[in-house]
Amino acid sequence: MLNTRLTQAFDIEHPVVLAPMDLVSGSRLATAVAAAGGLGMIGGGYGDEDWLERELAAAHGTRVGCGFITWSLARRPQLLDAALEFEPAAVMLSFGDPAPFAGRVRDAGVPLLCQVHTLDQARQALDVGADVVVAQGGEAGGHGVGSRSTFTLVPDIADLIAARRPETLLVAAGGVADGRGLAAALALGADGVLVGTRFWATEEAVVSPLAHTRAVEASGDDTLRTSVYDIVRSHPWPAEYNGRLLRNRFTDRWHGHESDLAARMPEALAEFHAAVAQQDFDTANMIVGEAVGLVHEILPAGDVVRRMVREAAGRLSRCAASTVGLGV
């Protein structure tokens, strides 16, 4: 229905890629997206080796990829070997220098996706030979750098790619949750989209039903960028990164008071672990982006893919018809 360079390069039906969300994007979600004609990606996240190997094995027989938090992968480089042994459809590197791993991915004959948040990071991705640059705006859930919006970052990077390495594909990420977002991304110069929050809110995602219920009631105004959960979970993210998630009582208490949080870590950590065990999302974290406001129901992932593509194709067709009518 929407034929792009991405669908041709990966031999998929639709230009929709599942974001490899840590633990959320397991084999069930990745294979559901793949079965619907998109590119499914399993989340390698912070490097739970047993979980990763189990999910890769469960996806055997389905062509899916795998994504990693690059600075964390540097601490457990054997995870890349496990992923490459699986012969994935792609490997995605995010949040760190891809250079130490890019050669191994290319030597394995696996397409390399590099997620970037700035033009400098895009140049770095092109320098290491990324097959696909994923341009993620600040609207996205999870971690990122700075506050560039998808609407301006994507065409900026499209121009950079056209000038430096036009064979490289471009995928837009951040704020894409329906056909409008997909159509807009294609109009901005992207070859497809990477979708997180909308797939987070699907039946196959490894997400608590209580979190899903809370998300359906939320709007994009209810999210913020913060580092408080990185502090309480002792995840040593580089200083320039923070993450977008749903505001709650815990963020209201500690965001802007990070030094106090560090000083009261035993108390805060006990509160956080108890909340996770009890699925209390007034304290436990919910990593979603601004597009959460476009999520009104929890659907099967395949329905999300098909609806998104159908809506995008319809909008693009109507726009084309309108320009013809205007004599453009």
C-alpha atoms as a PDB file:
ATOM      1  CA  MET A   1       0.000   0.000   0.000  1.00  0.00           C
ATOM      2  CA  LEU A   2       2.902   2.353   0.836  1.00  0.00           C
ATOM      3  CA  ASN A   3       5.968   1.316  -1.145  1.00  0.00           C
ATOM      4  CA  THR A   4       9.159   3.051   0.026  1.00  0.00           C
ATOM      5  CA  ARG A   5      12.881   2.433  -0.013  1.00  0.00           C
ATOM      6  CA  LEU A   6      12.491   0.899   3.463  1.00  0.00           C
ATOM      7  CA  THR A   7       9.910  -1.671   2.379  1.00  0.00           C
ATOM      8  CA  GLN A   8      12.073  -2.569  -0.620  1.00  0.00           C
ATOM      9  CA  ALA A   9      15.327  -2.855   1.343  1.00  0.00           C
ATOM     10  CA  PHE A  10      13.859  -5.037   4.095  1.00  0.00           C
ATOM     11  CA  ASP A  11      11.323  -6.891   1.959  1.00  0.00           C
ATOM     12  CA  ILE A  12       8.455  -5.860   4.208  1.00  0.00           C
ATOM     13  CA  GLU A  13       4.946  -4.786   3.285  1.00  0.00           C
ATOM     14  CA  HIS A  14       4.654  -1.613   5.377  1.00  0.00           C
ATOM     15  CA  PRO A  15       7.207   1.112   6.300  1.00  0.00           C
ATOM     16  CA  VAL A  16       6.621   0.656  10.031  1.00  0.00           C
ATOM     17  CA  VAL A  17       9.325  -0.421  12.484  1.00  0.00           C
ATOM     18  CA  LEU A  18       8.752  -1.481  16.087  1.00  0.00           C
ATOM     19  CA  ALA A  19      10.943   0.426  18.528  1.00  0.00           C
ATOM     20  CA  PRO A  20      13.112  -2.106  20.426  1.00  0.00           C
ATOM     21  CA  MET A  21      11.849  -1.026  23.837  1.00  0.00           C
ATOM     22  CA  ASP A  22      13.711  -2.564  26.772  1.00  0.00           C
ATOM     23  CA  LEU A  23      11.796  -5.666  27.957  1.00  0.00           C
ATOM     24  CA  VAL A  24       8.536  -4.311  26.483  1.00  0.00           C
ATOM     25  CA  SER A  25       9.395  -5.381  22.925  1.00  0.00           C
ATOM     26  CA  GLY A  26       9.656  -9.106  23.431  1.00  0.00           C
ATOM     27  CA  SER A  27       9.274 -11.876  20.890  1.00  0.00           C
ATOM     28  CA  ARG A  28       5.465 -11.823  21.004  1.00  0.00           C
ATOM     29  CA  LEU A  29       5.263  -8.144  20.079  1.00  0.00           C
ATOM     30  CA  ALA A  30       8.104  -8.291  17.545  1.00  0.00           C
ATOM     31  CA  THR A  31       6.637 -11.272  15.717  1.00  0.00           C
ATOM     32  CA  ALA A  32       3.165  -9.712  15.720  1.00  0.00           C
ATOM     33  CA  VAL A  33       4.503  -6.584  14.010  1.00  0.00           C
ATOM     34  CA  ALA A  34       6.447  -8.715  11.530  1.00  0.00           C
ATOM     35  CA  ALA A  35       3.396 -10.864  10.769  1.00  0.00           C
ATOM     36  CA  ALA A  36       1.426  -7.698  10.015  1.00  0.00           C
ATOM     37  CA  GLY A  37       4.007  -6.617   7.439  1.00  0.00           C
ATOM     38  CA  GLY A  38       6.241  -4.316   9.482  1.00  0.00           C
ATOM     39  CA  LEU A  39       9.745  -4.767  10.864  1.00  0.00           C
ATOM     40  CA  GLY A  40       9.641  -6.237  14.372  1.00  0.00           C
ATOM     41  CA  MET A  41      12.507  -5.497  16.769  1.00  0.00           C
ATOM     42  CA  ILE A  42      13.305  -7.183  20.087  1.00  0.00           C
ATOM     43  CA  GLY A  43      14.651  -4.877  22.773  1.00  0.00           C
ATOM     44  CA  GLY A  44      18.104  -5.772  24.054  1.00  0.00           C
ATOM     45  CA  GLY A  45      17.902  -2.908  26.534  1.00  0.00           C
ATOM     46  CA  TYR A  46      20.304  -2.898  29.461  1.00  0.00           C
ATOM     47  CA  GLY A  47      21.569  -6.380  28.707  1.00  0.00           C
ATOM     48  CA  ASP A  48      19.607  -9.128  30.428  1.00  0.00           C
ATOM     49  CA  GLU A  49      21.333 -11.992  28.604  1.00  0.00           C
ATOM     50  CA  ASP A  50      18.953 -14.746  29.694  1.00  0.00           C
ATOM     51  CA  TRP A  51      15.913 -12.678  28.676  1.00  0.00           C
ATOM     52  CA  LEU A  52      17.429 -11.765  25.325  1.00  0.00           C
ATOM     53  CA  GLU A  53      18.383 -15.322  24.429  1.00  0.00           C
ATOM     54  CA  ARG A  54      14.959 -16.596  25.460  1.00  0.00           C
ATOM     55  CA  GLU A  55      13.136 -13.982  23.373  1.00  0.00           C
ATOM     56  CA  LEU A  56      15.371 -14.532  20.347  1.00  0.00           C
ATOM     57  CA  ALA A  57      14.748 -18.265  20.577  1.00  0.00           C
ATOM     58  CA  ALA A  58      10.994 -17.696  20.870  1.00  0.00           C
ATOM     59  CA  ALA A  59      11.075 -15.593  17.689  1.00  0.00           C
ATOM     60  CA  HIS A  60      12.909 -18.302  15.724  1.00  0.00           C
ATOM     61  CA  GLY A  61      11.406 -18.703  12.284  1.00  0.00           C
ATOM     62  CA  THR A  62      10.244 -15.066  12.099  1.00  0.00           C
ATOM     63  CA  ARG A  63      12.415 -12.383  10.563  1.00  0.00           C
ATOM     64  CA  VAL A  64      12.873  -9.798  13.308  1.00  0.00           C
ATOM     65  CA  GLY A  65      15.691  -7.551  14.448  1.00  0.00           C
ATOM     66  CA  CYS A  66      17.245  -6.585  17.766  1.00  0.00           C
ATOM     67  CA  GLY A  67      18.142  -3.249  19.352  1.00  0.00           C
ATOM     68  CA  PHE A  68      20.645  -2.261  22.023  1.00  0.00           C
ATOM     69  CA  ILE A  69      21.453   0.617  24.364  1.00  0.00           C
ATOM     70  CA  THR A  70      24.947   1.121  23.001  1.00  0.00           C
ATOM     71  CA  TRP A  71      26.743   2.327  26.134  1.00  0.00           C
ATOM     72  CA  SER A  72      25.299  -0.642  28.040  1.00  0.00           C
ATOM     73  CA  LEU A  73      26.244  -3.054  25.246  1.00  0.00           C
ATOM     74  CA  ALA A  74      29.844  -1.905  25.679  1.00  0.00           C
ATOM     75  CA  ARG A  75      29.726  -3.469  29.153  1.00  0.00           C
ATOM     76  CA  ARG A  76      28.333  -6.769  27.819  1.00  0.00           C
ATOM     77  CA  PRO A  77      29.591  -7.045  24.222  1.00  0.00           C
ATOM     78  CA  GLN A  78      28.809 -10.771  24.135  1.00  0.00           C
ATOM     79  CA  LEU A  79      25.131  -9.838  23.724  1.00  0.00           C
ATOM     80  CA  LEU A  80      25.845  -8.678  20.201  1.00  0.00           C
ATOM     81  CA  ASP A  81      27.317 -12.092  19.409  1.00  0.00           C
ATOM     82  CA  ALA A  82      24.116 -13.743  20.643  1.00  0.00           C
ATOM     83  CA  ALA A  83      22.025 -11.449  18.481  1.00  0.00           C
ATOM     84  CA  LEU A  84      24.155 -11.926  15.361  1.00  0.00           C
ATOM     85  CA  GLU A  85      24.092 -15.696  15.800  1.00  0.00           C
ATOM     86  CA  PHE A  86      20.308 -15.429  15.521  1.00  0.00           C
ATOM     87  CA  GLU A  87      20.794 -13.851  12.040  1.00  0.00           C
ATOM     88  CA  PRO A  88      18.483 -10.917  12.753  1.00  0.00           C
ATOM     89  CA  ALA A  89      16.765  -8.802  10.128  1.00  0.00           C
ATOM     90  CA  ALA A  90      18.589  -5.772  11.550  1.00  0.00           C
ATOM     91  CA  VAL A  91      20.575  -4.525  14.544  1.00  0.00           C
ATOM     92  CA  MET A  92      19.794  -1.104  15.980  1.00  0.00           C
ATOM     93  CA  LEU A  93      22.284   0.843  18.114  1.00  0.00           C
ATOM     94  CA  SER A  94      21.051   3.758  20.216  1.00  0.00           C
ATOM     95  CA  PHE A  95      22.435   6.158  22.823  1.00  0.00           C
ATOM     96  CA  GLY A  96      26.168   5.963  22.295  1.00  0.00           C
ATOM     97  CA  ASP A  97      29.032   5.716  19.833  1.00  0.00           C
ATOM     98  CA  PRO A  98      28.166   2.983  17.299  1.00  0.00           C
ATOM     99  CA  ALA A  99      31.728   2.729  15.962  1.00  0.00           C
ATOM    100  CA  PRO A 100      32.949  -0.113  18.241  1.00  0.00           C
ATOM    101  CA  PHE A 101      30.127  -2.384  17.025  1.00  0.00           C
ATOM    102  CA  ALA A 102      29.331  -1.208  13.499  1.00  0.00           C
ATOM    103  CA  GLY A 103      32.049  -3.303  11.853  1.00  0.00           C
ATOM    104  CA  ARG A 104      30.884  -6.511  13.502  1.00  0.00           C
ATOM    105  CA  VAL A 105      27.325  -5.897  12.371  1.00  0.00           C
ATOM    106  CA  ARG A 106      28.360  -5.095   8.806  1.00  0.00           C
ATOM    107  CA  ASP A 107      30.748  -8.069   8.642  1.00  0.00           C
ATOM    108  CA  ALA A 108      27.827 -10.313   9.591  1.00  0.00           C
ATOM    109  CA  GLY A 109      25.868  -8.983   6.625  1.00  0.00           C
ATOM    110  CA  VAL A 110      23.187  -7.541   8.910  1.00  0.00           C
ATOM    111  CA  PRO A 111      21.650  -4.109   8.202  1.00  0.00           C
ATOM    112  CA  LEU A 112      22.701  -1.511  10.789  1.00  0.00           C
ATOM    113  CA  LEU A 113      20.235   1.024  12.171  1.00  0.00           C
ATOM    114  CA  CYS A 114      21.633   3.931  14.208  1.00  0.00           C
ATOM    115  CA  GLN A 115      19.257   6.048  16.259  1.00  0.00           C
ATOM    116  CA  VAL A 116      20.250   9.710  16.520  1.00  0.00           C
ATOM    117  CA  HIS A 117      18.908  12.869  18.135  1.00  0.00           C
ATOM    118  CA  THR A 118      21.148  15.558  16.640  1.00  0.00           C
ATOM    119  CA  LEU A 119      22.858  16.383  13.368  1.00  0.00           C
ATOM    120  CA  ASP A 120      26.252  15.578  14.895  1.00  0.00           C
ATOM    121  CA  GLN A 121      25.039  12.117  15.843  1.00  0.00           C
ATOM    122  CA  ALA A 122      23.646  11.683  12.322  1.00  0.00           C
ATOM    123  CA  ARG A 123      27.046  12.529  10.854  1.00  0.00           C
ATOM    124  CA  GLN A 124      28.608   9.949  13.162  1.00  0.00           C
ATOM    125  CA  ALA A 125      26.091   7.320  11.997  1.00  0.00           C
ATOM    126  CA  LEU A 126      26.905   8.053   8.363  1.00  0.00           C
ATOM    127  CA  ASP A 127      30.627   7.847   9.109  1.00  0.00           C
ATOM    128  CA  VAL A 128      30.274   4.278  10.446  1.00  0.00           C
ATOM    129  CA  GLY A 129      28.213   3.200   7.441  1.00  0.00           C
ATOM    130  CA  ALA A 130      24.738   2.954   8.945  1.00  0.00           C
ATOM    131  CA  ASP A 131      22.244   1.507   6.502  1.00  0.00           C
ATOM    132  CA  VAL A 132      19.408   3.334   8.247  1.00  0.00           C
ATOM    133  CA  VAL A 133      19.475   6.507  10.332  1.00  0.00           C
ATOM    134  CA  VAL A 134      16.624   6.727  12.834  1.00  0.00           C
ATOM    135  CA  ALA A 135      15.984  10.403  13.588  1.00  0.00           C
ATOM    136  CA  GLN A 136      14.251  10.636  16.958  1.00  0.00           C
ATOM    137  CA  GLY A 137      12.656  13.864  18.089  1.00  0.00           C
ATOM    138  CA  GLY A 138      12.165  14.923  21.681  1.00  0.00           C
ATOM    139  CA  GLU A 139       8.485  13.932  21.610  1.00  0.00           C
ATOM    140  CA  ALA A 140       9.490  10.286  21.906  1.00  0.00           C
ATOM    141  CA  GLY A 141       9.186   8.242  25.061  1.00  0.00           C
ATOM    142  CA  GLY A 142      12.375   7.063  26.684  1.00  0.00           C
ATOM    143  CA  HIS A 143      15.808   8.595  26.455  1.00  0.00           C
ATOM    144  CA  GLY A 144      17.165  11.253  24.166  1.00  0.00           C
ATOM    145  CA  VAL A 145      19.368  14.308  23.912  1.00  0.00           C
ATOM    146  CA  GLY A 146      18.160  17.878  23.664  1.00  0.00           C
ATOM    147  CA  SER A 147      14.761  19.081  22.563  1.00  0.00           C
ATOM    148  CA  ARG A 148      14.753  18.876  18.751  1.00  0.00           C
ATOM    149  CA  SER A 149      11.296  18.047  17.433  1.00  0.00           C
ATOM    150  CA  THR A 150      10.663  15.297  14.917  1.00  0.00           C
ATOM    151  CA  PHE A 151       9.077  17.857  12.578  1.00  0.00           C
ATOM    152  CA  THR A 152      12.359  19.777  12.144  1.00  0.00           C
ATOM    153  CA  LEU A 153      14.955  17.085  12.852  1.00  0.00           C
ATOM    154  CA  VAL A 154      13.787  14.694  10.120  1.00  0.00           C
ATOM    155  CA  PRO A 155      14.086  17.133   7.175  1.00  0.00           C
ATOM    156  CA  ASP A 156      17.406  18.411   8.544  1.00  0.00           C
ATOM    157  CA  ILE A 157      18.811  14.889   8.516  1.00  0.00           C
ATOM    158  CA  ALA A 158      17.150  14.117   5.175  1.00  0.00           C
ATOM    159  CA  ASP A 159      19.126  16.994   3.664  1.00  0.00           C
ATOM    160  CA  LEU A 160      22.323  15.789   5.332  1.00  0.00           C
ATOM    161  CA  ILE A 161      21.863  12.273   3.970  1.00  0.00           C
ATOM    162  CA  ALA A 162      21.098  13.566   0.479  1.00  0.00           C
ATOM    163  CA  ALA A 163      24.321  15.565   0.482  1.00  0.00           C
ATOM    164  CA  ARG A 164      26.638  13.020   2.055  1.00  0.00           C
ATOM    165  CA  ARG A 165      25.334   9.471   1.533  1.00  0.00           C
ATOM    166  CA  PRO A 166      22.052   9.378  -0.393  1.00  0.00           C
ATOM    167  CA  GLU A 167      21.805   5.583  -0.387  1.00  0.00           C
ATOM    168  CA  THR A 168      21.264   5.663   3.390  1.00  0.00           C
ATOM    169  CA  LEU A 169      17.653   5.227   4.488  1.00  0.00           C
ATOM    170  CA  LEU A 170      15.946   7.558   6.944  1.00  0.00           C
ATOM    171  CA  VAL A 171      13.351   6.551   9.538  1.00  0.00           C
ATOM    172  CA  ALA A 172      11.442   9.070  11.668  1.00  0.00           C
ATOM    173  CA  ALA A 173      10.747   8.480  15.360  1.00  0.00           C
ATOM    174  CA  GLY A 174       9.028  10.464  18.067  1.00  0.00           C
ATOM    175  CA  GLY A 175       5.336  11.302  18.232  1.00  0.00           C
ATOM    176  CA  VAL A 176       4.210   8.834  15.553  1.00  0.00           C
ATOM    177  CA  ALA A 177       1.143   6.930  16.723  1.00  0.00           C
ATOM    178  CA  ASP A 178      -1.296   6.920  13.826  1.00  0.00           C
ATOM    179  CA  GLY A 179      -1.637   7.388  10.090  1.00  0.00           C
ATOM    180  CA  ARG A 180      -1.232  11.136  10.355  1.00  0.00           C
ATOM    181  CA  GLY A 181       2.220  10.715  11.844  1.00  0.00           C
ATOM    182  CA  LEU A 182       3.257   8.189   9.220  1.00  0.00           C
ATOM    183  CA  ALA A 183       2.012  10.394   6.376  1.00  0.00           C
ATOM    184  CA  ALA A 184       3.790  13.411   7.856  1.00  0.00           C
ATOM    185  CA  ALA A 185       7.057  11.490   8.233  1.00  0.00           C
ATOM    186  CA  LEU A 186       6.990  10.405   4.595  1.00  0.00           C
ATOM    187  CA  ALA A 187       6.232  13.978   3.532  1.00  0.00           C
ATOM    188  CA  LEU A 188       9.211  15.218   5.565  1.00  0.00           C
ATOM    189  CA  GLY A 189      11.567  12.941   3.642  1.00  0.00           C
ATOM    190  CA  ALA A 190      11.619   9.771   5.753  1.00  0.00           C
ATOM    191  CA  ASP A 191      11.412   6.278   4.249  1.00  0.00           C
ATOM    192  CA  GLY A 192       9.385   4.974   7.185  1.00  0.00           C
ATOM    193  CA  VAL A 193       8.715   5.358  10.888  1.00  0.00           C
ATOM    194  CA  LEU A 194       9.870   3.800  14.152  1.00  0.00           C
ATOM    195  CA  VAL A 195       6.972   3.504  16.602  1.00  0.00           C
ATOM    196  CA  GLY A 196       7.263   3.094  20.360  1.00  0.00           C
ATOM    197  CA  THR A 197       4.379   4.381  22.485  1.00  0.00           C
ATOM    198  CA  ARG A 198       1.595   3.131  20.189  1.00  0.00           C
ATOM    199  CA  PHE A 199       3.098  -0.392  20.240  1.00  0.00           C
ATOM    200  CA  TRP A 200       3.727  -0.104  23.989  1.00  0.00           C
ATOM    201  CA  ALA A 201      -0.058   0.201  24.202  1.00  0.00           C
ATOM    202  CA  THR A 202      -0.853  -3.107  22.486  1.00  0.00           C
ATOM    203  CA  GLU A 203      -2.008  -6.500  23.678  1.00  0.00           C
ATOM    204  CA  GLU A 204       1.341  -8.175  22.892  1.00  0.00           C
ATOM    205  CA  ALA A 205       3.547  -5.672  24.738  1.00  0.00           C
ATOM    206  CA  VAL A 206       5.052  -6.768  28.043  1.00  0.00           C
ATOM    207  CA  VAL A 207       3.175  -4.068  29.954  1.00  0.00           C
ATOM    208  CA  SER A 208       0.906  -4.221  33.006  1.00  0.00           C
ATOM    209  CA  PRO A 209      -2.813  -3.847  32.241  1.00  0.00           C
ATOM    210  CA  LEU A 210      -2.898  -1.252  35.016  1.00  0.00           C
ATOM    211  CA  ALA A 211      -0.272   0.778  33.171  1.00  0.00           C
ATOM    212  CA  HIS A 212      -2.278   0.462  29.977  1.00  0.00           C
ATOM    213  CA  THR A 213      -5.392   1.740  31.722  1.00  0.00           C
ATOM    214  CA  ARG A 214      -3.506   4.729  33.065  1.00  0.00           C
ATOM    215  CA  ALA A 215      -2.005   5.498  29.646  1.00  0.00           C
ATOM    216  CA  VAL A 216      -5.386   5.523  27.894  1.00  0.00           C
ATOM    217  CA  GLU A 217      -6.488   8.236  30.315  1.00  0.00           C
ATOM    218  CA  ALA A 218      -3.349  10.364  29.822  1.00  0.00           C
ATOM    219  CA  SER A 219      -2.435  13.135  27.400  1.00  0.00           C
ATOM    220  CA  GLY A 220       0.880  14.289  26.003  1.00  0.00           C
ATOM    221  CA  ASP A 221       0.793  17.140  28.517  1.00  0.00           C
ATOM    222  CA  ASP A 222       1.148  14.537  31.266  1.00  0.00           C
ATOM    223  CA  THR A 223       4.682  13.566  30.183  1.00  0.00           C
ATOM    224  CA  LEU A 224       8.017  15.137  31.075  1.00  0.00           C
ATOM    225  CA  ARG A 225      11.723  14.587  30.554  1.00  0.00           C
ATOM    226  CA  THR A 226      13.601  13.653  33.712  1.00  0.00           C
ATOM    227  CA  SER A 227      16.486  11.615  35.101  1.00  0.00           C
ATOM    228  CA  VAL A 228      14.967  10.659  38.468  1.00  0.00           C
ATOM    229  CA  TYR A 229      14.314   7.044  37.505  1.00  0.00           C
ATOM    230  CA  ASP A 230      17.846   6.641  36.163  1.00  0.00           C
ATOM    231  CA  ILE A 231      19.078   7.795  39.565  1.00  0.00           C
ATOM    232  CA  VAL A 232      16.850   5.501  41.605  1.00  0.00           C
ATOM    233  CA  ARG A 233      17.579   2.494  39.365  1.00  0.00           C
ATOM    234  CA  SER A 234      21.330   3.250  39.328  1.00  0.00           C
ATOM    235  CA  HIS A 235      21.460   3.293  35.535  1.00  0.00           C
ATOM    236  CA  PRO A 236      24.597   5.302  34.658  1.00  0.00           C
ATOM    237  CA  TRP A 237      23.298   7.178  31.639  1.00  0.00           C
ATOM    238  CA  PRO A 238      25.625   9.739  30.065  1.00  0.00           C
ATOM    239  CA  ALA A 239      24.936  13.161  31.545  1.00  0.00           C
ATOM    240  CA  GLU A 240      23.449  14.613  28.366  1.00  0.00           C
ATOM    241  CA  TYR A 241      20.597  12.053  28.300  1.00  0.00           C
ATOM    242  CA  ASN A 242      17.287  12.104  30.114  1.00  0.00           C
ATOM    243  CA  GLY A 243      14.055  10.253  29.470  1.00  0.00           C
ATOM    244  CA  ARG A 244      10.447  11.137  28.691  1.00  0.00           C
ATOM    245  CA  LEU A 245       7.829   9.333  30.749  1.00  0.00           C
ATOM    246  CA  LEU A 246       4.476   9.814  32.400  1.00  0.00           C
ATOM    247  CA  ARG A 247       4.417  12.208  35.324  1.00  0.00           C
ATOM    248  CA  ASN A 248       3.332  10.826  38.677  1.00  0.00           C
ATOM    249  CA  ARG A 249       3.691  11.432  42.379  1.00  0.00           C
ATOM    250  CA  PHE A 250       7.311  10.196  42.361  1.00  0.00           C
ATOM    251  CA  THR A 251       8.411  12.611  39.625  1.00  0.00           C
ATOM    252  CA  ASP A 252       6.469  15.467  41.226  1.00  0.00           C
ATOM    253  CA  ARG A 253       8.430  14.860  44.413  1.00  0.00           C
ATOM    254  CA  TRP A 254      11.928  14.381  43.004  1.00  0.00           C
ATOM    255  CA  HIS A 255      12.191  16.063  39.587  1.00  0.00           C
ATOM    256  CA  GLY A 256      14.276  19.184  40.142  1.00  0.00           C
ATOM    257  CA  HIS A 257      15.468  17.790  43.470  1.00  0.00           C
ATOM    258  CA  GLU A 258      17.840  15.134  42.162  1.00  0.00           C
ATOM    259  CA  SER A 259      20.536  15.810  44.768  1.00  0.00           C
ATOM    260  CA  ASP A 260      17.985  15.223  47.527  1.00  0.00           C
ATOM    261  CA  LEU A 261      16.942  11.994  45.839  1.00  0.00           C
ATOM    262  CA  ALA A 262      20.536  10.777  45.754  1.00  0.00           C
ATOM    263  CA  ALA A 263      20.924  11.635  49.429  1.00  0.00           C
ATOM    264  CA  ARG A 264      17.792   9.665  50.356  1.00  0.00           C
ATOM    265  CA  MET A 265      18.450   6.745  48.055  1.00  0.00           C
ATOM    266  CA  PRO A 266      17.730   3.833  50.453  1.00  0.00           C
ATOM    267  CA  GLU A 267      14.281   5.194  51.245  1.00  0.00           C
ATOM    268  CA  ALA A 268      13.464   6.074  47.637  1.00  0.00           C
ATOM    269  CA  LEU A 269      14.761   2.750  46.323  1.00  0.00           C
ATOM    270  CA  ALA A 270      12.641   0.769  48.766  1.00  0.00           C
ATOM    271  CA  GLU A 271       9.599   2.831  47.774  1.00  0.00           C
ATOM    272  CA  PHE A 272      10.308   2.277  44.069  1.00  0.00           C
ATOM    273  CA  HIS A 273      10.789  -1.503  44.364  1.00  0.00           C
ATOM    274  CA  ALA A 274       7.616  -1.844  46.438  1.00  0.00           C
ATOM    275  CA  ALA A 275       5.674   0.144  43.830  1.00  0.00           C
ATOM    276  CA  VAL A 276       6.958  -2.026  40.971  1.00  0.00           C
ATOM    277  CA  ALA A 277       5.949  -5.183  42.849  1.00  0.00           C
ATOM    278  CA  GLN A 278       2.493  -3.743  43.581  1.00  0.00           C
ATOM    279  CA  GLN A 279       2.059  -2.188  40.107  1.00  0.00           C
ATOM    280  CA  ASP A 280       1.575   1.190  41.766  1.00  0.00           C
ATOM    281  CA  PHE A 281       2.181   3.655  38.947  1.00  0.00           C
ATOM    282  CA  ASP A 282       1.947   6.657  41.215  1.00  0.00           C
ATOM    283  CA  THR A 283       5.550   5.684  42.004  1.00  0.00           C
ATOM    284  CA  ALA A 284       6.645   3.102  39.407  1.00  0.00           C
ATOM    285  CA  ASN A 285       7.694   4.480  36.031  1.00  0.00           C
ATOM    286  CA  MET A 286       5.751   4.392  32.766  1.00  0.00           C
ATOM    287  CA  ILE A 287       7.993   5.162  29.790  1.00  0.00           C
ATOM    288  CA  VAL A 288       5.758   6.713  27.137  1.00  0.00           C
ATOM    289  CA  GLY A 289       6.053   9.691  24.809  1.00  0.00           C
ATOM    290  CA  GLU A 290       3.836  12.630  23.965  1.00  0.00           C
ATOM    291  CA  ALA A 291       1.911  10.414  21.547  1.00  0.00           C
ATOM    292  CA  VAL A 292       0.283   8.734  24.548  1.00  0.00           C
ATOM    293  CA  GLY A 293      -2.487  11.296  24.100  1.00  0.00           C
ATOM    294  CA  LEU A 294      -3.330   9.649  20.766  1.00  0.00           C
ATOM    295  CA  VAL A 295      -3.814   6.242  22.386  1.00  0.00           C
ATOM    296  CA  HIS A 296      -7.470   5.636  23.176  1.00  0.00           C
ATOM    297  CA  GLU A 297      -7.611   1.847  23.314  1.00  0.00           C
ATOM    298  CA  ILE A 298      -5.360  -1.177  23.645  1.00  0.00           C
ATOM    299  CA  LEU A 299      -5.308  -3.055  20.338  1.00  0.00           C
ATOM    300  CA  PRO A 300      -3.502  -6.039  18.826  1.00  0.00           C
ATOM    301  CA  ALA A 301      -0.229  -4.876  17.273  1.00  0.00           C
ATOM    302  CA  GLY A 302      -1.276  -6.099  13.839  1.00  0.00           C
ATOM    303  CA  ASP A 303      -4.361  -3.885  13.951  1.00  0.00           C
ATOM    304  CA  VAL A 304      -2.161  -0.902  14.836  1.00  0.00           C
ATOM    305  CA  VAL A 305       0.074  -1.521  11.817  1.00  0.00           C
ATOM    306  CA  ARG A 306      -2.768  -1.981   9.376  1.00  0.00           C
ATOM    307  CA  ARG A 307      -4.791   0.962  10.661  1.00  0.00           C
ATOM    308  CA  MET A 308      -1.761   3.268  10.617  1.00  0.00           C
ATOM    309  CA  VAL A 309      -0.874   2.381   7.043  1.00  0.00           C
ATOM    310  CA  ARG A 310      -4.470   2.564   5.826  1.00  0.00           C
ATOM    311  CA  GLU A 311      -4.956   6.007   7.375  1.00  0.00           C
ATOM    312  CA  ALA A 312      -1.641   7.282   6.008  1.00  0.00           C
ATOM    313  CA  ALA A 313      -2.369   6.044   2.495  1.00  0.00           C
ATOM    314  CA  GLY A 314      -5.777   7.680   2.579  1.00  0.00           C
ATOM    315  CA  ARG A 315      -4.401  11.011   3.734  1.00  0.00           C
ATOM    316  CA  LEU A 316      -1.615  11.013   1.174  1.00  0.00           C
ATOM    317  CA  SER A 317      -4.072  10.135  -1.588  1.00  0.00           C
ATOM    318  CA  ARG A 318      -6.399  12.961  -0.570  1.00  0.00           C
ATOM    319  CA  CYS A 319      -3.488  15.411  -0.479  1.00  0.00           C
ATOM    320  CA  ALA A 320      -2.369  14.293  -3.944  1.00  0.00           C
ATOM    321  CA  ALA A 321      -5.892  14.677  -5.286  1.00  0.00           C
ATOM    322  CA  SER A 322      -6.166  18.145  -3.749  1.00  0.00           C
ATOM    323  CA  THR A 323      -2.952  19.339  -5.384  1.00  0.00           C
ATOM    324  CA  VAL A 324      -4.097  18.011  -8.755  1.00  0.00           C
ATOM    325  CA  GLY A 325      -7.379  19.855  -8.341  1.00  0.00           C
ATOM    326  CA  LEU A 326      -5.467  23.048  -7.632  1.00  0.00           C
ATOM    327  CA  GLY A 327      -3.407  22.598 -10.754  1.00  0.00           C
ATOM    328  CA  VAL A 328      -0.191  22.054  -8.770  1.00  0.00           C
END
